[in-house]
N, C-alpha and C. Protein backbone atom coordinates (compact mmCIF):
# COMPACT_ATOMS: atom_id res chain seq x y z
N UNK A 1 0.82 -1.11 0.08
CA UNK A 1 0.08 0.11 0.05
C UNK A 1 0.88 1.25 -0.02
N UNK A 2 0.53 2.19 -0.86
CA UNK A 2 1.04 3.50 -1.15
C UNK A 2 0.52 4.52 -0.39
N UNK A 3 1.36 5.72 0.00
CA UNK A 3 0.78 6.87 0.61
C UNK A 3 0.09 7.77 -0.79
N UNK A 4 -1.16 7.80 -0.35
CA UNK A 4 -1.75 8.86 -1.44
C UNK A 4 -2.67 9.79 -0.56
N UNK A 5 -3.47 10.68 -1.21
CA UNK A 5 -4.24 11.64 -0.69
C UNK A 5 -5.36 10.78 0.28
N UNK A 6 -5.52 11.46 1.33
CA UNK A 6 -6.42 10.95 2.34
C UNK A 6 -5.84 9.58 2.95
N UNK A 7 -4.68 9.10 2.77
CA UNK A 7 -4.31 8.08 3.73
C UNK A 7 -4.08 8.57 4.94
N UNK A 8 -4.28 7.85 6.07
CA UNK A 8 -3.71 7.96 7.24
C UNK A 8 -2.50 7.43 7.50
N UNK A 9 -1.57 8.08 8.08
CA UNK A 9 -0.19 7.52 8.24
C UNK A 9 0.55 7.92 9.66
N UNK A 10 1.36 6.97 9.72
CA UNK A 10 2.11 7.26 10.95
C UNK A 10 3.60 7.46 10.61
N UNK A 11 4.15 8.31 10.93
CA UNK A 11 5.77 8.56 10.47
C UNK A 11 6.61 8.83 11.94
N UNK A 12 7.73 8.60 11.49
CA UNK A 12 8.72 9.18 12.61
C UNK A 12 10.12 9.78 11.99
N UNK A 13 10.47 10.94 12.31
CA UNK A 13 11.39 11.65 11.85
C UNK A 13 12.44 12.37 12.45
N UNK A 14 13.27 13.07 11.87
CA UNK A 14 14.17 14.05 12.65
C UNK A 14 14.13 15.33 12.01
N UNK A 15 13.96 16.51 12.47
CA UNK A 15 13.87 17.63 11.54
C UNK A 15 15.19 18.52 12.15
N UNK A 16 16.05 18.72 11.21
CA UNK A 16 16.99 19.51 11.60
C UNK A 16 17.19 20.94 10.70
N UNK A 17 18.07 21.64 11.06
CA UNK A 17 18.44 23.14 10.27
C UNK A 17 19.16 22.62 9.17
N UNK A 18 19.04 23.17 7.94
CA UNK A 18 19.75 23.11 6.91
C UNK A 18 20.23 21.66 6.31
N UNK A 19 20.79 21.00 7.07
CA UNK A 19 21.20 19.36 6.61
C UNK A 19 21.60 18.35 7.55
N UNK A 20 21.88 17.35 7.09
CA UNK A 20 22.09 16.22 7.99
C UNK A 20 22.91 16.57 9.23
N UNK A 21 23.76 17.29 9.20
CA UNK A 21 24.62 17.83 10.29
C UNK A 21 24.23 18.98 11.03
N UNK A 22 23.09 19.41 10.95
CA UNK A 22 22.36 20.59 11.54
C UNK A 22 22.01 20.21 12.81
N UNK A 23 21.33 21.28 13.88
CA UNK A 23 21.02 21.02 15.01
C UNK A 23 19.67 20.41 15.10
N UNK A 24 19.19 19.45 15.65
CA UNK A 24 17.87 18.77 15.82
C UNK A 24 16.83 19.83 16.52
N UNK A 25 15.88 19.86 15.76
CA UNK A 25 14.79 20.90 16.11
C UNK A 25 13.78 20.15 16.59
N UNK A 26 13.42 18.84 15.90
CA UNK A 26 12.39 17.95 16.61
C UNK A 26 12.67 16.42 16.40
N UNK A 27 12.41 15.80 17.00
CA UNK A 27 12.57 14.12 16.92
C UNK A 27 11.36 13.39 17.29
N UNK A 28 10.72 12.60 16.24
CA UNK A 28 9.53 11.97 16.55
C UNK A 28 10.03 10.44 16.33
N UNK A 29 9.81 9.76 17.47
CA UNK A 29 10.36 8.23 17.33
C UNK A 29 9.50 7.45 16.95
N UNK A 30 9.80 6.19 16.12
CA UNK A 30 9.10 5.25 15.79
C UNK A 30 8.16 4.74 16.94
N UNK A 31 8.66 4.81 18.21
CA UNK A 31 7.77 4.17 19.24
C UNK A 31 6.43 5.20 19.59
N UNK A 32 6.58 6.42 19.25
CA UNK A 32 5.56 7.34 19.40
C UNK A 32 5.36 8.15 18.05
N UNK A 33 4.99 7.66 17.00
CA UNK A 33 4.78 8.24 15.74
C UNK A 33 3.81 9.16 15.62
N UNK A 34 4.02 10.18 14.75
CA UNK A 34 3.23 11.37 14.28
C UNK A 34 2.03 10.61 13.23
N UNK A 35 0.84 10.76 13.94
CA UNK A 35 -0.25 10.37 13.07
C UNK A 35 -0.90 11.45 12.18
N UNK A 36 -1.11 11.38 11.09
CA UNK A 36 -1.56 12.33 10.20
C UNK A 36 -2.32 11.89 8.95
N UNK A 37 -3.31 12.53 8.38
CA UNK A 37 -3.91 12.50 7.44
C UNK A 37 -3.31 13.07 6.18
N UNK A 38 -3.18 12.74 5.00
CA UNK A 38 -2.63 13.49 4.10
C UNK A 38 -3.66 14.07 3.09
N UNK A 39 -3.32 15.33 2.90
CA UNK A 39 -4.09 16.14 2.16
C UNK A 39 -5.09 17.21 3.18
N UNK A 40 -4.89 17.08 4.65
CA UNK A 40 -5.57 17.73 5.46
C UNK A 40 -4.78 18.90 6.03
N UNK A 41 -3.78 19.26 5.45
CA UNK A 41 -2.80 20.55 5.93
C UNK A 41 -2.38 19.97 7.30
N UNK A 42 -2.19 18.70 7.60
CA UNK A 42 -1.67 18.39 8.68
C UNK A 42 -0.08 18.54 8.59
N UNK A 43 0.41 18.37 7.46
CA UNK A 43 1.87 18.66 7.16
C UNK A 43 1.99 19.69 6.44
N UNK A 44 3.49 20.07 6.25
CA UNK A 44 3.80 21.08 5.12
C UNK A 44 3.29 20.46 3.69
N UNK A 45 2.98 21.26 2.84
CA UNK A 45 2.46 20.71 1.36
C UNK A 45 3.56 20.17 0.62
N UNK A 46 4.65 20.74 0.78
CA UNK A 46 5.79 20.01 0.01
C UNK A 46 6.45 18.94 0.71
N UNK A 47 6.18 18.84 2.20
CA UNK A 47 6.61 17.55 2.66
C UNK A 47 5.57 16.57 2.33
N UNK A 48 4.21 16.64 2.39
CA UNK A 48 3.38 15.66 1.55
C UNK A 48 3.91 15.41 0.30
N UNK A 49 4.34 16.19 -0.52
CA UNK A 49 4.52 15.67 -2.08
C UNK A 49 5.77 14.75 -2.03
N UNK A 50 6.48 15.17 -0.84
CA UNK A 50 7.85 14.48 -1.00
C UNK A 50 7.48 12.89 -0.62
N UNK A 51 6.63 12.57 0.27
CA UNK A 51 6.38 11.21 0.68
C UNK A 51 5.15 10.54 -0.04
N UNK A 52 4.61 11.39 -0.86
CA UNK A 52 3.46 10.71 -1.73
C UNK A 52 4.24 9.32 -2.56
N UNK A 53 3.29 8.45 -2.34
CA UNK A 53 4.10 7.19 -3.14
C UNK A 53 4.74 6.30 -2.23
N UNK A 54 5.41 6.66 -1.16
CA UNK A 54 6.14 5.67 -0.27
C UNK A 54 5.13 4.67 0.23
N UNK A 55 5.88 3.61 0.90
CA UNK A 55 5.11 2.32 1.31
C UNK A 55 5.83 2.43 2.85
N UNK A 56 4.98 1.51 3.58
CA UNK A 56 5.36 1.10 4.94
C UNK A 56 6.74 0.67 5.10
N UNK A 57 7.76 1.16 5.82
CA UNK A 57 8.88 0.93 5.96
C UNK A 57 10.11 1.63 5.14
N UNK A 58 9.39 2.33 4.06
CA UNK A 58 10.09 3.32 3.35
C UNK A 58 10.94 4.41 4.31
N UNK A 59 12.02 4.81 3.77
CA UNK A 59 12.83 6.06 4.57
C UNK A 59 12.87 7.19 3.63
N UNK A 60 12.69 8.33 4.20
CA UNK A 60 12.89 9.20 3.19
C UNK A 60 14.25 10.59 3.88
N UNK A 61 14.59 11.33 3.12
CA UNK A 61 15.57 12.35 3.08
C UNK A 61 15.36 13.47 2.49
N UNK A 62 15.04 14.56 2.90
CA UNK A 62 14.80 15.56 1.91
C UNK A 62 15.22 17.17 2.61
N UNK A 63 15.42 18.00 1.86
CA UNK A 63 15.34 19.44 2.48
C UNK A 63 14.32 20.44 1.78
N UNK A 64 13.63 21.20 2.50
CA UNK A 64 12.79 22.21 2.26
C UNK A 64 13.52 23.72 2.49
N UNK A 65 13.25 24.41 1.18
CA UNK A 65 13.67 25.83 1.52
C UNK A 65 12.90 26.61 2.16
N UNK A 66 13.20 27.79 2.70
CA UNK A 66 12.16 28.57 3.29
C UNK A 66 10.99 28.77 2.60
N UNK A 67 11.15 29.03 1.31
CA UNK A 67 9.76 29.09 0.51
C UNK A 67 8.95 28.12 0.52
N UNK A 68 9.45 26.70 0.66
CA UNK A 68 8.50 25.48 0.63
C UNK A 68 8.32 25.08 2.02
N UNK A 69 8.79 25.69 2.89
CA UNK A 69 8.32 25.41 4.30
C UNK A 69 7.49 26.46 4.94
N UNK A 70 8.15 27.21 5.95
CA UNK A 70 7.29 28.57 6.67
C UNK A 70 7.58 29.87 6.23
N UNK A 71 8.25 30.10 4.99
CA UNK A 71 8.07 31.18 4.38
C UNK A 71 9.77 31.84 4.68
N UNK A 72 9.91 33.06 4.19
CA UNK A 72 10.93 33.91 4.54
C UNK A 72 10.61 34.98 5.59
N UNK A 73 11.59 35.16 6.61
CA UNK A 73 11.69 35.95 7.63
C UNK A 73 11.01 37.28 7.22
N UNK A 74 10.14 37.80 7.65
CA UNK A 74 9.32 39.15 7.47
C UNK A 74 9.52 40.13 8.29
N UNK A 75 10.38 41.11 8.11
CA UNK A 75 10.53 42.17 8.99
C UNK A 75 9.25 43.08 9.58
N UNK A 76 8.26 42.80 8.48
CA UNK A 76 7.27 43.64 8.78
C UNK A 76 6.08 42.72 9.85
N UNK A 77 6.57 41.51 10.15
CA UNK A 77 5.98 40.63 11.08
C UNK A 77 6.28 41.04 12.39
N UNK A 78 7.16 42.03 12.59
CA UNK A 78 7.71 42.44 13.86
C UNK A 78 6.96 43.93 14.10
N UNK A 79 6.49 43.93 15.07
CA UNK A 79 5.57 45.03 15.59
C UNK A 79 5.74 45.54 17.05
N UNK A 80 5.63 46.69 17.25
CA UNK A 80 5.63 47.32 18.72
C UNK A 80 3.99 47.77 18.89
N UNK A 81 3.63 47.65 20.10
CA UNK A 81 2.10 47.87 20.77
C UNK A 81 2.27 48.30 21.96
N UNK A 82 1.31 49.14 22.35
CA UNK A 82 1.36 49.65 23.73
C UNK A 82 0.85 48.31 24.75
N UNK A 83 1.38 48.04 25.96
CA UNK A 83 1.19 46.93 26.66
C UNK A 83 -0.34 46.79 26.79
N UNK A 84 -1.21 47.74 26.88
CA UNK A 84 -2.44 47.91 27.41
C UNK A 84 -3.31 47.10 26.35
N UNK A 85 -3.01 47.45 24.98
CA UNK A 85 -3.44 46.78 23.96
C UNK A 85 -3.48 45.19 23.95
N UNK A 86 -2.43 44.52 24.67
CA UNK A 86 -2.41 43.14 24.79
C UNK A 86 -3.28 42.56 25.88
N UNK A 87 -3.34 43.47 27.10
CA UNK A 87 -3.98 42.95 28.05
C UNK A 87 -5.21 42.34 28.11
N UNK A 88 -6.17 42.44 26.84
CA UNK A 88 -7.35 42.09 26.77
C UNK A 88 -7.21 40.67 26.32
N UNK A 89 -6.09 40.05 25.61
CA UNK A 89 -5.96 38.90 24.96
C UNK A 89 -5.30 37.97 25.87
N UNK A 90 -4.32 38.59 26.85
CA UNK A 90 -3.63 37.67 27.97
C UNK A 90 -4.08 38.11 29.35
N UNK A 91 -5.31 38.45 29.36
CA UNK A 91 -5.77 39.02 30.69
C UNK A 91 -5.45 38.11 32.14
N UNK A 92 -4.97 38.72 33.13
CA UNK A 92 -4.48 37.89 34.41
C UNK A 92 -3.32 37.09 34.14
N UNK A 93 -2.53 37.37 32.96
CA UNK A 93 -1.35 36.85 32.91
C UNK A 93 -0.06 37.61 32.60
N UNK A 94 0.91 37.49 33.47
CA UNK A 94 1.94 38.33 33.13
C UNK A 94 2.84 37.74 32.23
N UNK A 95 3.36 38.68 31.28
CA UNK A 95 3.96 38.29 30.17
C UNK A 95 5.47 38.68 30.14
N UNK A 96 6.13 37.90 29.58
CA UNK A 96 7.69 37.96 29.65
C UNK A 96 8.38 37.97 28.54
N UNK A 97 9.49 38.32 28.25
CA UNK A 97 10.44 38.30 26.69
C UNK A 97 10.27 36.72 26.78
N UNK A 98 10.25 36.34 25.27
CA UNK A 98 10.43 34.86 24.80
C UNK A 98 9.07 34.29 25.15
N UNK A 99 8.04 35.03 25.60
CA UNK A 99 6.72 34.11 25.75
C UNK A 99 6.12 33.87 24.49
N UNK A 100 4.99 32.98 24.20
CA UNK A 100 4.25 33.01 23.00
C UNK A 100 2.90 33.24 23.46
N UNK A 101 2.62 34.35 22.94
CA UNK A 101 1.19 34.70 23.51
C UNK A 101 -0.03 34.77 22.24
N UNK A 102 -1.26 34.55 22.91
CA UNK A 102 -2.45 34.57 21.78
C UNK A 102 -2.61 36.20 21.69
N UNK A 103 -2.93 36.62 20.34
CA UNK A 103 -3.18 37.96 20.07
C UNK A 103 -4.46 37.88 19.13
N UNK A 104 -5.19 38.66 19.33
CA UNK A 104 -6.39 38.92 18.34
C UNK A 104 -6.54 39.98 17.63
N UNK A 105 -6.31 39.98 16.30
CA UNK A 105 -6.23 41.14 15.46
C UNK A 105 -7.39 42.16 15.36
N UNK A 106 -7.16 43.12 14.88
CA UNK A 106 -8.43 44.17 14.83
C UNK A 106 -9.79 43.46 14.16
N UNK A 107 -9.26 42.68 13.15
CA UNK A 107 -10.52 41.94 12.42
C UNK A 107 -10.93 40.59 12.87
N UNK A 108 -10.61 40.35 14.09
CA UNK A 108 -10.94 39.25 14.68
C UNK A 108 -10.11 37.87 14.97
N UNK A 109 -9.09 37.87 14.03
CA UNK A 109 -8.16 36.79 13.59
C UNK A 109 -7.21 36.39 14.58
N UNK A 110 -7.37 35.32 15.30
CA UNK A 110 -6.53 34.87 16.40
C UNK A 110 -5.13 34.38 15.86
N UNK A 111 -3.97 35.02 16.44
CA UNK A 111 -2.66 34.62 16.02
C UNK A 111 -1.52 34.45 17.23
N UNK A 112 -0.63 33.73 16.96
CA UNK A 112 0.29 33.67 18.19
C UNK A 112 1.50 34.53 17.79
N UNK A 113 2.02 35.23 18.85
CA UNK A 113 3.33 36.05 18.90
C UNK A 113 4.30 35.85 19.65
N UNK A 114 5.44 35.93 19.41
CA UNK A 114 6.49 35.78 20.41
C UNK A 114 6.90 37.13 20.94
N UNK A 115 6.92 37.41 22.18
CA UNK A 115 7.57 38.43 22.74
C UNK A 115 8.88 38.84 22.74
N UNK A 116 9.07 39.74 21.92
CA UNK A 116 10.78 39.98 21.70
C UNK A 116 11.34 40.62 23.06
N UNK A 117 10.54 42.04 23.31
CA UNK A 117 11.13 42.80 24.20
C UNK A 117 9.63 43.44 24.79
N UNK A 118 10.18 43.93 26.01
CA UNK A 118 9.09 44.64 27.02
C UNK A 118 10.07 45.88 27.39
N UNK A 119 9.59 47.04 26.80
CA UNK A 119 10.23 48.39 27.12
C UNK A 119 9.30 49.16 27.72
N UNK A 120 9.15 49.03 29.11
CA UNK A 120 8.14 49.81 29.79
C UNK A 120 6.74 49.51 29.31
N UNK A 121 5.82 50.50 28.83
CA UNK A 121 4.71 50.17 28.35
C UNK A 121 4.78 49.76 26.87
N UNK A 122 5.54 49.51 26.34
CA UNK A 122 5.65 48.88 24.71
C UNK A 122 6.28 47.76 24.71
N UNK A 123 5.56 46.84 24.07
CA UNK A 123 5.80 45.26 23.73
C UNK A 123 6.19 45.19 22.06
N UNK A 124 7.42 44.61 21.88
CA UNK A 124 7.55 44.40 20.76
C UNK A 124 7.28 42.78 20.42
N UNK A 125 6.32 42.46 19.40
CA UNK A 125 6.03 41.12 19.13
C UNK A 125 6.49 40.56 17.70
N UNK A 126 6.54 39.40 17.50
CA UNK A 126 7.24 38.73 16.41
C UNK A 126 6.12 37.75 15.91
N UNK A 127 5.13 38.24 14.91
CA UNK A 127 4.29 37.16 14.24
C UNK A 127 4.87 36.18 13.33
N UNK A 128 6.22 36.17 13.20
CA UNK A 128 6.77 35.32 12.22
C UNK A 128 6.80 33.74 12.53
N UNK A 129 6.27 32.60 11.97
CA UNK A 129 6.80 31.41 12.43
C UNK A 129 7.95 31.38 12.88
N UNK A 130 8.27 30.79 14.22
CA UNK A 130 9.62 30.54 14.57
C UNK A 130 10.76 29.84 13.65
N UNK A 131 10.34 29.02 12.69
CA UNK A 131 10.96 28.40 11.75
C UNK A 131 11.12 29.26 10.21
N UNK A 132 10.26 30.44 10.44
CA UNK A 132 10.44 31.26 9.11
C UNK A 132 11.81 31.64 8.84
N UNK A 133 12.04 31.60 7.35
CA UNK A 133 13.57 31.86 6.79
C UNK A 133 14.48 30.85 7.03
N UNK A 134 14.33 29.47 7.45
CA UNK A 134 15.35 28.55 7.88
C UNK A 134 14.86 27.53 6.70
N UNK A 135 16.26 26.80 6.18
CA UNK A 135 15.97 25.47 5.35
C UNK A 135 16.01 24.43 6.32
N UNK A 136 15.14 23.66 6.09
CA UNK A 136 14.82 22.60 6.77
C UNK A 136 15.39 21.25 6.17
N UNK A 137 15.72 20.39 7.11
CA UNK A 137 16.23 19.09 6.68
C UNK A 137 15.45 17.97 7.42
N UNK A 138 14.89 17.08 6.63
CA UNK A 138 13.99 15.92 7.27
C UNK A 138 14.44 14.81 6.67
N UNK A 139 14.73 13.61 8.04
CA UNK A 139 15.00 12.30 7.49
C UNK A 139 14.16 11.63 8.63
N UNK A 140 13.36 10.34 7.94
CA UNK A 140 12.62 9.60 8.80
C UNK A 140 12.21 8.43 8.08
N UNK A 141 11.05 7.70 8.48
CA UNK A 141 10.62 6.50 8.12
C UNK A 141 9.01 6.43 8.24
N UNK A 142 8.29 5.89 7.19
CA UNK A 142 6.83 5.67 7.23
C UNK A 142 6.79 4.36 8.15
N UNK A 143 6.12 4.49 9.13
CA UNK A 143 5.78 3.55 10.26
C UNK A 143 4.50 2.65 9.83
N UNK A 144 3.69 3.36 9.48
CA UNK A 144 2.25 2.74 9.01
C UNK A 144 1.48 3.57 7.90
N UNK A 145 0.65 2.61 7.43
CA UNK A 145 -0.29 3.30 6.26
C UNK A 145 -1.60 2.75 6.28
N UNK A 146 -2.52 3.63 6.61
CA UNK A 146 -4.13 3.06 6.55
C UNK A 146 -4.68 3.64 5.30
N UNK A 147 -5.32 2.98 4.34
CA UNK A 147 -6.18 4.02 3.27
C UNK A 147 -7.83 3.83 3.41
C-alpha cells in the first residue's frame, strides 16, 4: 500500500536546520510516531509531496527551502504595541520576553506572537513562524499506512 491523498499514516522523523549535520529541532520516534492524514494540511504541502507514493518501512530524506516550508522571515511581522492593547488577549497573565502569546487582530483573527522585548509600556512582538527563514532537513521512516 502506498501513501496517497487521504491516507492516514504514522511516521517518525528528525527535523534539523539546513542539512544532516544541523541541530535537531524535533525528533519523532517510531515508538511514538506522528499520526496524520495526507491532504488535510497536517503537514507542510511540500513535505506531503515528498512522501506521496512511499510504502510502510520506506525511509525518506529531503530538504525544504524557506519558501517551501514556513516562508521567509518578514521584518514587517515584527511590531511594537502598547502593553495595554495586549492585556485583553492575555488577561490575568504576566507576560515576559520569549513568551508565546495569543493575540486577536482588529479583524478578529487569532494569532500567536513571540514577545521579543518589553520596554516599559511598549511590547515588541514577532508574528513570524519560529522557523520562518530556515532551510529544513527531514529524515525519517513511514511506520504505518491506512487508506
